Amino acid sequence: MSDGYVFDTEAVIAFLYNEPGHDTVATLLDEVFTGQSDGVLTETNASEVFYLVARFEGVDETPTGTSLREADRDLRALERQGLRIESADWRLAAEVKAEGRISLADAYAVALAHGRDATLVAGADDDFDELPIDVDLRRFRDHGV
C-alpha cells in the first residue's frame, strides 16, 4: 500500500486540458481533494505545469501577462483543493537522471514518490519503464498524446 500520490507534469496537464486519461487523473485527484489520499507535485513539475499552461494560453505559444496569471491561478486552485507542492531529494533525483533517459522533472517526481512511498501517477512515457529505484507506478493512459 502506498502513501498517496505524486503526480507528474503530464498527469496534471491531462487533467487541466481534458486530454485522454483525464478521467483517471480526476478520480485520483478527487481522492486528494476530499482528503482520502495525500497528493503532491514536485516544485520542478509545478514549474513545468506553470510554463506549459502559460504557453498554451498565450499567443502563438508565447506567454503573455494574462497567460502567466492563468497558469498561477490553475496551480493555486489545485493547491487550495489539497494538492501540495513539495521539494524532492535533489541527490536522489540526480541519481535517477544519471541512470537513464528520463527528464529532469520526471526524475524529481520519481525521487519524491520513492521518498514518500507514494504511487507515481504518470502517462505512457517509456522513460518510466526502467527506473534505478523502486516506485509504485500508475499509468493514467497507455498511449502518448
Protein backbone atom coordinates (compact mmCIF):
# COMPACT_ATOMS: atom_id res chain seq x y z
CA MET A 1 0.00 0.00 0.00
CA SER A 2 1.42 3.35 -0.93
CA ASP A 3 1.17 6.63 0.90
CA GLY A 4 -0.78 8.81 -1.52
CA TYR A 5 0.07 10.02 -4.99
CA VAL A 6 2.80 12.01 -6.68
CA PHE A 7 1.55 13.47 -9.96
CA ASP A 8 3.90 14.05 -12.86
CA THR A 9 3.51 17.02 -15.18
CA GLU A 10 1.75 15.02 -17.87
CA ALA A 11 -0.97 13.94 -15.43
CA VAL A 12 -1.75 17.48 -14.31
CA ILE A 13 -1.77 18.80 -17.88
CA ALA A 14 -4.09 15.95 -18.95
CA PHE A 15 -6.43 16.89 -16.09
CA LEU A 16 -6.40 20.61 -16.86
CA TYR A 17 -6.89 20.18 -20.62
CA ASN A 18 -9.22 17.16 -20.71
CA GLU A 19 -6.66 15.10 -22.59
CA PRO A 20 -7.00 11.31 -22.90
CA GLY A 21 -6.82 9.74 -19.44
CA HIS A 22 -8.00 12.89 -17.66
CA ASP A 23 -10.86 10.94 -16.10
CA THR A 24 -8.43 8.62 -14.31
CA VAL A 25 -6.39 11.58 -13.04
CA ALA A 26 -9.62 13.33 -11.98
CA THR A 27 -10.64 10.29 -9.93
CA LEU A 28 -7.28 10.24 -8.14
CA LEU A 29 -7.33 13.99 -7.60
CA ASP A 30 -10.84 13.69 -6.19
CA GLU A 31 -9.38 11.39 -3.52
CA VAL A 32 -6.88 14.15 -2.76
CA PHE A 33 -9.47 16.94 -2.81
CA THR A 34 -11.75 15.06 -0.41
CA GLY A 35 -8.92 14.21 1.98
CA GLN A 36 -8.99 10.46 1.32
CA SER A 37 -5.40 10.46 -0.02
CA ASP A 38 -2.36 12.68 0.04
CA GLY A 39 -1.41 14.24 -3.28
CA VAL A 40 1.79 16.05 -4.14
CA LEU A 41 3.53 17.65 -7.07
CA THR A 42 7.24 18.40 -7.02
CA GLU A 43 8.33 22.01 -7.31
CA THR A 44 10.04 21.06 -10.57
CA ASN A 45 6.86 19.54 -12.00
CA ALA A 46 4.85 22.55 -10.80
CA SER A 47 7.28 24.75 -12.75
CA GLU A 48 6.66 22.66 -15.85
CA VAL A 49 2.89 22.87 -15.43
CA PHE A 50 3.19 26.63 -14.97
CA TYR A 51 5.21 27.30 -18.12
CA LEU A 52 3.17 24.87 -20.22
CA VAL A 53 -0.14 26.48 -19.23
CA ALA A 54 1.39 29.92 -19.81
CA ARG A 55 2.43 28.86 -23.32
CA PHE A 56 -0.82 27.05 -24.16
CA GLU A 57 -2.91 30.03 -23.07
CA GLY A 58 -0.55 32.58 -24.60
CA VAL A 59 -0.43 33.90 -28.13
CA ASP A 60 1.22 31.57 -30.64
CA GLU A 61 2.60 29.57 -27.69
CA THR A 62 4.27 32.69 -26.31
CA PRO A 63 3.32 33.52 -22.71
CA THR A 64 1.51 36.77 -22.03
CA GLY A 65 0.78 38.56 -18.79
CA THR A 66 -2.70 37.07 -18.87
CA SER A 67 -1.49 33.52 -19.59
CA LEU A 68 1.06 33.74 -16.76
CA ARG A 69 -1.75 34.74 -14.38
CA GLU A 70 -3.87 31.82 -15.68
CA ALA A 71 -1.02 29.41 -15.01
CA ASP A 72 -0.64 30.77 -11.50
CA ARG A 73 -4.42 30.57 -10.96
CA ASP A 74 -4.55 26.93 -12.07
CA LEU A 75 -1.77 25.84 -9.72
CA ARG A 76 -3.17 27.83 -6.79
CA ALA A 77 -6.60 26.28 -7.37
CA LEU A 78 -5.10 22.80 -7.21
CA GLU A 79 -3.24 23.74 -4.02
CA ARG A 80 -6.39 25.17 -2.40
CA GLN A 81 -8.13 21.87 -3.07
CA GLY A 82 -5.36 19.90 -1.35
CA LEU A 83 -2.62 19.12 -3.89
CA ARG A 84 0.62 20.10 -2.17
CA ILE A 85 3.77 21.30 -3.92
CA GLU A 86 6.91 19.93 -2.30
CA SER A 87 10.61 19.65 -2.91
CA ALA A 88 12.21 16.29 -3.62
CA ASP A 89 15.63 14.95 -2.66
CA TRP A 90 17.80 16.56 -5.32
CA ARG A 91 20.60 13.99 -4.94
CA LEU A 92 18.22 11.10 -5.48
CA ALA A 93 16.65 12.90 -8.46
CA ALA A 94 20.14 13.37 -9.90
CA GLU A 95 20.92 9.67 -9.44
CA VAL A 96 17.68 8.74 -11.23
CA LYS A 97 18.52 11.16 -14.04
CA ALA A 98 22.08 9.84 -14.30
CA GLU A 99 20.85 6.27 -14.74
CA GLY A 100 18.50 6.80 -17.64
CA ARG A 101 16.98 8.97 -20.32
CA ILE A 102 14.27 10.33 -18.07
CA SER A 103 13.64 14.09 -18.00
CA LEU A 104 14.91 16.01 -15.00
CA ALA A 105 11.39 16.92 -13.87
CA ASP A 106 10.30 13.29 -14.12
CA ALA A 107 13.39 12.25 -12.15
CA TYR A 108 12.25 14.60 -9.38
CA ALA A 109 8.78 13.03 -9.43
CA VAL A 110 10.34 9.55 -9.16
CA ALA A 111 12.54 10.68 -6.27
CA LEU A 112 9.60 12.20 -4.39
CA ALA A 113 7.41 9.12 -4.97
CA HIS A 114 10.21 6.90 -3.70
CA GLY A 115 10.90 9.09 -0.67
CA ARG A 116 7.23 9.27 0.30
CA ASP A 117 6.45 5.63 -0.58
CA ALA A 118 3.74 7.09 -2.82
CA THR A 119 2.28 6.00 -6.14
CA LEU A 120 3.66 7.94 -9.07
CA VAL A 121 0.88 8.90 -11.50
CA ALA A 122 2.35 9.09 -15.00
CA GLY A 123 1.33 8.80 -18.62
CA ALA A 124 2.56 6.44 -21.28
CA ASP A 125 6.07 7.89 -21.39
CA ASP A 126 8.53 4.99 -21.71
CA ASP A 127 11.07 6.91 -19.61
CA PHE A 128 9.46 5.29 -16.57
CA ASP A 129 9.84 1.72 -17.88
CA GLU A 130 13.28 1.06 -16.36
CA LEU A 131 13.99 3.03 -13.21
CA PRO A 132 17.03 2.56 -10.96
CA ILE A 133 14.85 2.72 -7.82
CA ASP A 134 11.55 1.12 -6.94
CA VAL A 135 8.37 3.16 -7.16
CA ASP A 136 4.75 2.16 -7.42
CA LEU A 137 3.74 3.42 -10.87
CA ARG A 138 0.19 4.05 -12.02
CA ARG A 139 -0.30 4.85 -15.71
CA PHE A 140 -3.33 7.00 -16.43
CA ARG A 141 -3.17 6.24 -20.17
CA ASP A 142 -1.39 3.73 -22.34
CA HIS A 143 -0.50 5.93 -25.32
CA GLY A 144 1.07 9.32 -25.91
CA VAL A 145 -0.87 12.37 -26.94
